[in-house]
Amino acid sequence: MNEETAPVRRVLLLTHTGRPEAREVARSFVKALTGHGLVVQLLAKEADELGVDPLAFDPAVEIVAQDERTGSGCEVAVVIGGDGTILRAAEITHASGTPLLGVNLGHVGFLAEAEVDDVESTIEALVQRRYTWEERLTLEVSILQGKEVVASTFALNEASVEKAARERMIEVVVEIDGRPLSRWGCDGVVCATPTGSTAYNFSAGGPVVWPGVEALLIVPISAHALFARPMVVAPTSVLAVEVLGGTEGAGVLWCDGRRTVDLAPGARIEVRRGARPVRLVRLHEGTFTDRLVAKFGLSVEGWRGAGERRRRENGGEGPAGV
């Protein structure tokens, strides 16, 4: 009997090719992964910008189109850049559901799992399949004019309704689960996921929500109103923002800071939990608290938790988990 042929392992590689350091790291991933027998897939434009000759590797690099099939059949998508690049990767792989492994070359990199100094260990973990992934709640966003849905999209971090003109406020009425909540003259309204709670939601004064919490967030931006507090609602809730008909210049909808839809007076934006979550790869066990401390550079000096006391009694130094 012939030996069974081992299944082909594929990895999609997505890169912020505008950064020289990212291009260098991407080429090292291509060389190392193909050296271990994995097939690397690249978008045609990125392959050109990386200067990669597909036939120079064994197995050969596969050049793929960017469409709804992108990422299908791949174990993971390695994303080299910052959070913006990971959000782009989430958009590209939304239909395929390919897990995303972010290698951070940005500033904060909240969505990334690895730093650029961890390239060798990250490659080893991929080759040895030493990783897991967690599913992150997404938003399904519909834009209606009258009763007609004129556009629809999704978001991993947030969908924000914002004023179109700097010199004017936008007038909106916010609705939750089919009932009106409040009317605001404001700069905008952010509807966010727990994943996005450390992004625009955070800057707008919203709460930080642990990723394991299933909830939707809504935060008014600079609202002129007596009641204009950030709110956390059930994941089954439907949020709606109606742009009042008399609003001059109306507004604009932003999703993850990447996709925009112009909003005419009378537009209605409905936000609900998305049917497809985004999968983020995890290489290490760790708490979200530690991630907050590390990414935001929070001071924990003087902490004397029970675990820390035991560690110091055993001769350890410095705060644990930071």
Protein backbone atom coordinates (compact mmCIF):
# COMPACT_ATOMS: atom_id res chain seq x y z
CA MET A 1 0.00 0.00 0.00
CA ASN A 2 1.15 3.51 -0.70
CA GLU A 3 1.68 5.73 2.27
CA GLU A 4 -1.05 8.27 2.75
CA THR A 5 -0.08 11.72 1.59
CA ALA A 6 0.02 14.23 4.43
CA PRO A 7 -2.57 17.00 4.02
CA VAL A 8 -1.23 20.27 2.67
CA ARG A 9 -1.00 22.96 5.33
CA ARG A 10 -1.67 26.54 4.22
CA VAL A 11 -1.13 29.90 5.90
CA LEU A 12 -2.38 33.24 4.55
CA LEU A 13 0.05 36.13 5.05
CA LEU A 14 -1.25 39.72 5.15
CA THR A 15 1.16 42.61 5.58
CA HIS A 16 1.28 46.38 6.00
CA THR A 17 3.57 46.62 2.96
CA GLY A 18 3.97 50.37 3.37
CA ARG A 19 6.41 49.79 6.24
CA PRO A 20 9.94 48.51 5.43
CA GLU A 21 10.16 46.64 8.73
CA ALA A 22 6.89 44.85 8.01
CA ARG A 23 8.10 43.81 4.56
CA GLU A 24 11.28 42.39 6.07
CA VAL A 25 9.36 40.42 8.70
CA ALA A 26 6.92 39.14 6.06
CA ARG A 27 9.74 37.81 3.89
CA SER A 28 11.21 36.01 6.91
CA PHE A 29 7.83 34.36 7.54
CA VAL A 30 7.60 33.22 3.90
CA LYS A 31 11.09 31.71 4.01
CA ALA A 32 10.64 29.99 7.38
CA LEU A 33 7.14 28.61 6.81
CA THR A 34 7.89 27.22 3.35
CA GLY A 35 11.10 25.79 4.81
CA HIS A 36 8.92 23.73 7.12
CA GLY A 37 6.73 22.54 4.25
CA LEU A 38 3.81 24.92 4.73
CA VAL A 39 2.24 26.62 1.73
CA VAL A 40 2.09 30.41 2.08
CA GLN A 41 -0.66 32.35 0.33
CA LEU A 42 -0.18 36.02 -0.62
CA LEU A 43 -2.46 38.56 -2.25
CA ALA A 44 -1.12 39.43 -5.70
CA LYS A 45 -0.50 43.10 -4.90
CA GLU A 46 1.30 42.28 -1.66
CA ALA A 47 3.47 39.65 -3.35
CA ASP A 48 4.63 42.31 -5.83
CA GLU A 49 5.29 44.84 -3.06
CA LEU A 50 7.23 42.25 -1.06
CA GLY A 51 9.28 41.32 -4.11
CA VAL A 52 8.42 37.62 -3.67
CA ASP A 53 8.97 35.22 -6.55
CA PRO A 54 6.42 32.43 -5.92
CA LEU A 55 8.53 29.79 -7.68
CA ALA A 56 11.62 30.59 -5.62
CA PHE A 57 10.20 28.58 -2.72
CA ASP A 58 9.43 24.90 -2.19
CA PRO A 59 6.53 24.51 -1.80
CA ALA A 60 5.75 27.39 -4.12
CA VAL A 61 3.97 30.44 -2.76
CA GLU A 62 0.34 30.64 -3.89
CA ILE A 63 -0.93 33.96 -5.23
CA VAL A 64 -4.61 34.46 -4.43
CA ALA A 65 -7.26 37.01 -5.31
CA GLN A 66 -8.99 39.12 -2.68
CA ASP A 67 -12.58 37.93 -2.64
CA GLU A 68 -15.01 36.14 -0.35
CA ARG A 69 -12.95 32.94 -0.61
CA THR A 70 -9.73 34.55 0.63
CA GLY A 71 -8.37 32.52 3.53
CA SER A 72 -10.49 29.44 2.84
CA GLY A 73 -8.46 26.30 3.49
CA CYS A 74 -5.85 28.17 5.52
CA GLU A 75 -5.10 27.24 9.14
CA VAL A 76 -4.49 30.85 10.12
CA ALA A 77 -3.88 34.26 8.61
CA VAL A 78 -0.66 35.81 9.90
CA VAL A 79 -1.09 39.59 9.99
CA ILE A 80 2.01 41.77 10.16
CA GLY A 81 1.37 45.37 11.19
CA GLY A 82 -0.69 47.17 13.81
CA ASP A 83 -4.33 47.06 14.84
CA GLY A 84 -5.34 48.80 11.61
CA THR A 85 -3.79 45.98 9.58
CA ILE A 86 -5.60 43.40 11.73
CA LEU A 87 -8.90 45.20 11.12
CA ARG A 88 -8.16 45.08 7.38
CA ALA A 89 -7.42 41.36 7.71
CA ALA A 90 -10.72 40.85 9.55
CA GLU A 91 -12.47 42.50 6.60
CA ILE A 92 -10.64 40.36 4.04
CA THR A 93 -11.27 37.06 5.85
CA HIS A 94 -14.74 37.82 7.24
CA ALA A 95 -16.49 35.38 4.93
CA SER A 96 -13.96 32.55 5.39
CA GLY A 97 -13.67 32.91 9.17
CA THR A 98 -9.92 32.25 9.08
CA PRO A 99 -8.32 32.76 12.53
CA LEU A 100 -6.07 35.86 12.69
CA LEU A 101 -2.63 35.90 14.30
CA GLY A 102 -1.40 39.46 14.67
CA VAL A 103 2.31 40.30 14.82
CA ASN A 104 2.47 43.84 16.17
CA LEU A 105 4.60 46.51 14.52
CA GLY A 106 2.27 49.31 15.54
CA HIS A 107 2.01 51.37 18.72
CA VAL A 108 -0.49 49.73 21.10
CA GLY A 109 -1.43 46.60 19.17
CA PHE A 110 -4.32 45.51 21.38
CA LEU A 111 -5.51 42.93 18.84
CA ALA A 112 -2.07 41.46 18.19
CA GLU A 113 -0.82 38.36 19.98
CA ALA A 114 2.89 38.56 19.16
CA GLU A 115 5.46 41.35 19.03
CA VAL A 116 8.06 41.73 16.31
CA ASP A 117 10.76 40.43 18.68
CA ASP A 118 8.85 37.13 18.95
CA VAL A 119 9.04 36.14 15.27
CA GLU A 120 11.08 32.95 15.75
CA SER A 121 8.92 31.61 18.58
CA THR A 122 5.76 32.58 16.68
CA ILE A 123 6.89 30.63 13.61
CA GLU A 124 7.74 27.63 15.79
CA ALA A 125 4.30 27.76 17.45
CA LEU A 126 2.63 27.82 14.02
CA VAL A 127 4.66 24.91 12.71
CA GLN A 128 4.01 22.85 15.87
CA ARG A 129 0.34 23.93 16.01
CA ARG A 130 0.83 25.25 19.53
CA TYR A 131 -1.95 27.79 19.47
CA THR A 132 -5.64 28.22 20.20
CA TRP A 133 -8.12 30.87 19.20
CA GLU A 134 -10.96 32.76 20.80
CA GLU A 135 -14.08 34.06 19.12
CA ARG A 136 -14.82 37.77 19.31
CA LEU A 137 -18.32 39.20 18.96
CA THR A 138 -18.93 41.31 15.85
CA LEU A 139 -21.59 43.80 14.77
CA GLU A 140 -23.98 43.54 11.85
CA VAL A 141 -24.79 47.04 10.60
CA SER A 142 -27.70 47.98 8.33
CA ILE A 143 -28.43 51.43 6.88
CA LEU A 144 -32.04 52.15 5.99
CA GLN A 145 -33.64 55.04 4.13
CA GLY A 146 -37.35 54.79 4.70
CA LYS A 147 -38.05 51.05 4.74
CA GLU A 148 -35.32 50.21 2.24
CA VAL A 149 -31.95 48.78 3.31
CA VAL A 150 -29.51 50.82 1.22
CA ALA A 151 -26.28 49.35 2.61
CA SER A 152 -25.03 46.76 5.06
CA THR A 153 -21.65 45.89 6.54
CA PHE A 154 -20.03 44.54 9.70
CA ALA A 155 -17.62 45.72 12.38
CA LEU A 156 -15.22 44.07 14.81
CA ASN A 157 -14.53 47.16 16.93
CA GLU A 158 -17.30 49.67 16.38
CA ALA A 159 -19.82 51.36 14.15
CA SER A 160 -19.95 55.12 14.71
CA VAL A 161 -22.49 57.63 13.42
CA GLU A 162 -20.73 60.99 13.18
CA LYS A 163 -21.43 64.50 12.01
CA ALA A 164 -20.36 65.24 8.46
CA ALA A 165 -19.52 68.92 9.01
CA ARG A 166 -17.06 70.06 11.66
CA GLU A 167 -19.03 73.23 12.45
CA ARG A 168 -22.38 71.50 13.05
CA MET A 169 -23.74 68.93 15.46
CA ILE A 170 -25.76 65.96 14.29
CA GLU A 171 -29.26 65.50 15.71
CA VAL A 172 -30.15 61.89 16.45
CA VAL A 173 -32.68 59.79 18.31
CA VAL A 174 -31.34 56.58 19.86
CA GLU A 175 -33.52 53.50 20.13
CA ILE A 176 -32.90 50.25 22.01
CA ASP A 177 -34.99 47.13 21.35
CA GLY A 178 -37.65 49.02 19.44
CA ARG A 179 -38.18 51.75 22.04
CA PRO A 180 -36.85 55.34 21.92
CA LEU A 181 -34.27 56.17 24.59
CA SER A 182 -33.17 59.77 24.07
CA ARG A 183 -32.61 62.54 21.55
CA TRP A 184 -29.13 64.02 21.35
CA GLY A 185 -27.48 66.91 19.61
CA CYS A 186 -23.95 65.56 19.49
CA ASP A 187 -20.76 64.96 17.55
CA GLY A 188 -21.72 61.33 17.10
CA VAL A 189 -22.67 57.99 18.64
CA VAL A 190 -20.38 54.95 18.99
CA CYS A 191 -21.83 51.44 19.01
CA ALA A 192 -19.04 49.08 20.06
CA THR A 193 -18.17 45.49 20.91
CA PRO A 194 -16.15 44.40 23.97
CA THR A 195 -13.19 44.02 21.59
CA GLY A 196 -13.66 47.64 20.51
CA SER A 197 -14.06 48.88 24.07
CA THR A 198 -10.34 49.74 24.16
CA ALA A 199 -10.48 51.58 20.82
CA TYR A 200 -12.78 54.49 19.82
CA ASN A 201 -15.19 53.61 22.63
CA PHE A 202 -12.37 54.15 25.14
CA SER A 203 -11.44 57.52 23.65
CA ALA A 204 -15.10 58.59 23.78
CA GLY A 205 -15.30 57.85 27.51
CA GLY A 206 -16.94 54.44 27.31
CA PRO A 207 -16.19 51.53 29.67
CA VAL A 208 -13.50 48.91 29.16
CA VAL A 209 -15.29 45.56 28.84
CA TRP A 210 -13.51 42.22 29.17
CA PRO A 211 -13.64 40.21 25.90
CA GLY A 212 -15.39 37.30 27.62
CA VAL A 213 -18.39 39.50 28.35
CA GLU A 214 -21.09 39.26 25.68
CA ALA A 215 -22.58 42.72 25.38
CA LEU A 216 -23.08 45.71 23.10
CA LEU A 217 -21.94 49.21 24.05
CA ILE A 218 -23.36 52.59 23.07
CA VAL A 219 -21.56 55.86 23.82
CA PRO A 220 -22.60 59.41 22.81
CA ILE A 221 -19.82 61.76 21.73
CA SER A 222 -19.97 65.30 23.15
CA ALA A 223 -23.74 65.19 23.55
CA HIS A 224 -25.67 68.30 24.60
CA ALA A 225 -28.21 66.50 26.76
CA LEU A 226 -29.07 65.88 30.39
CA PHE A 227 -28.87 62.11 29.91
CA ALA A 228 -25.86 61.16 27.82
CA ARG A 229 -24.18 58.27 29.62
CA PRO A 230 -22.31 55.29 28.14
CA MET A 231 -24.51 52.19 28.25
CA VAL A 232 -23.93 48.45 28.16
CA VAL A 233 -26.82 46.38 26.82
CA ALA A 234 -27.57 42.72 26.18
CA PRO A 235 -25.92 40.99 23.20
CA THR A 236 -29.40 40.20 21.91
CA SER A 237 -30.40 43.88 21.85
CA VAL A 238 -30.90 45.84 18.65
CA LEU A 239 -29.52 49.38 18.69
CA ALA A 240 -30.80 52.01 16.28
CA VAL A 241 -29.65 55.55 15.58
CA GLU A 242 -31.99 57.74 13.55
CA VAL A 243 -30.61 60.89 11.92
CA LEU A 244 -33.33 63.50 12.23
CA GLY A 245 -34.76 64.78 8.99
CA GLY A 246 -33.88 68.42 9.66
CA THR A 247 -30.18 67.74 10.22
CA GLU A 248 -28.17 69.85 7.75
CA GLY A 249 -25.36 67.99 6.04
CA ALA A 250 -26.55 64.84 7.84
CA GLY A 251 -23.73 62.52 8.82
CA VAL A 252 -21.44 59.62 8.00
CA LEU A 253 -21.22 56.06 9.26
CA TRP A 254 -17.76 54.67 10.00
CA CYS A 255 -17.16 50.97 10.63
CA ASP A 256 -13.81 50.07 12.22
CA GLY A 257 -12.45 53.35 10.86
CA ARG A 258 -12.22 51.69 7.44
CA ARG A 259 -15.61 51.58 5.72
CA THR A 260 -17.85 54.62 5.34
CA VAL A 261 -21.41 55.28 4.24
CA ASP A 262 -22.78 58.80 3.79
CA LEU A 263 -26.01 59.32 5.73
CA ALA A 264 -28.84 61.42 4.35
CA PRO A 265 -31.36 63.16 6.64
CA GLY A 266 -33.83 60.56 7.91
CA ALA A 267 -31.35 57.69 7.69
CA ARG A 268 -31.70 54.88 10.21
CA ILE A 269 -28.72 52.77 11.32
CA GLU A 270 -29.47 49.43 12.96
CA VAL A 271 -26.77 47.58 14.88
CA ARG A 272 -27.07 44.03 16.19
CA ARG A 273 -24.80 41.14 17.04
CA GLY A 274 -23.18 39.70 13.93
CA ALA A 275 -23.75 36.11 12.84
CA ARG A 276 -20.02 35.58 12.17
CA PRO A 277 -17.52 36.14 14.98
CA VAL A 278 -13.87 36.96 14.31
CA ARG A 279 -11.34 34.42 15.58
CA LEU A 280 -8.15 35.75 17.17
CA VAL A 281 -5.26 33.33 17.65
CA ARG A 282 -3.70 33.03 21.08
CA LEU A 283 -0.18 31.69 21.62
CA HIS A 284 0.03 32.26 25.37
CA GLU A 285 -2.21 31.88 28.35
CA GLY A 286 -2.74 35.20 30.03
CA THR A 287 -5.39 37.43 31.50
CA PHE A 288 -6.95 40.47 29.93
CA THR A 289 -5.86 42.40 33.03
CA ASP A 290 -2.22 41.71 32.16
CA ARG A 291 -2.87 42.80 28.58
CA LEU A 292 -4.35 46.09 29.78
CA VAL A 293 -1.38 46.72 32.05
CA ALA A 294 1.14 45.94 29.30
CA LYS A 295 -0.55 47.75 26.41
CA PHE A 296 -1.47 50.90 28.33
CA GLY A 297 1.66 50.94 30.47
CA LEU A 298 -0.38 51.04 33.67
CA SER A 299 1.43 51.41 36.99
CA VAL A 300 1.00 48.48 39.37
CA GLU A 301 3.79 49.48 41.71
CA GLY A 302 3.01 48.56 45.31
CA TRP A 303 0.66 45.71 44.44
CA ARG A 304 0.73 43.00 47.10
CA GLY A 305 -1.79 40.42 45.94
CA ALA A 306 -1.83 36.92 47.43
CA GLY A 307 0.00 35.41 44.46
CA GLU A 308 2.60 38.15 44.52
CA ARG A 309 3.28 37.64 48.24
CA ARG A 310 3.83 33.92 47.69
CA ARG A 311 6.12 34.63 44.75
CA ARG A 312 8.25 37.06 46.78
CA GLU A 313 8.45 34.59 49.66
CA ASN A 314 9.91 32.11 47.15
CA GLY A 315 12.61 34.59 46.13
CA GLY A 316 10.97 36.22 43.07
CA GLU A 317 11.40 39.90 42.21
CA GLY A 318 9.20 42.48 40.54
CA PRO A 319 5.48 42.39 39.79
CA ALA A 320 4.21 39.16 38.30
CA GLY A 321 2.51 38.96 34.93
CA VAL A 322 3.64 42.36 33.63
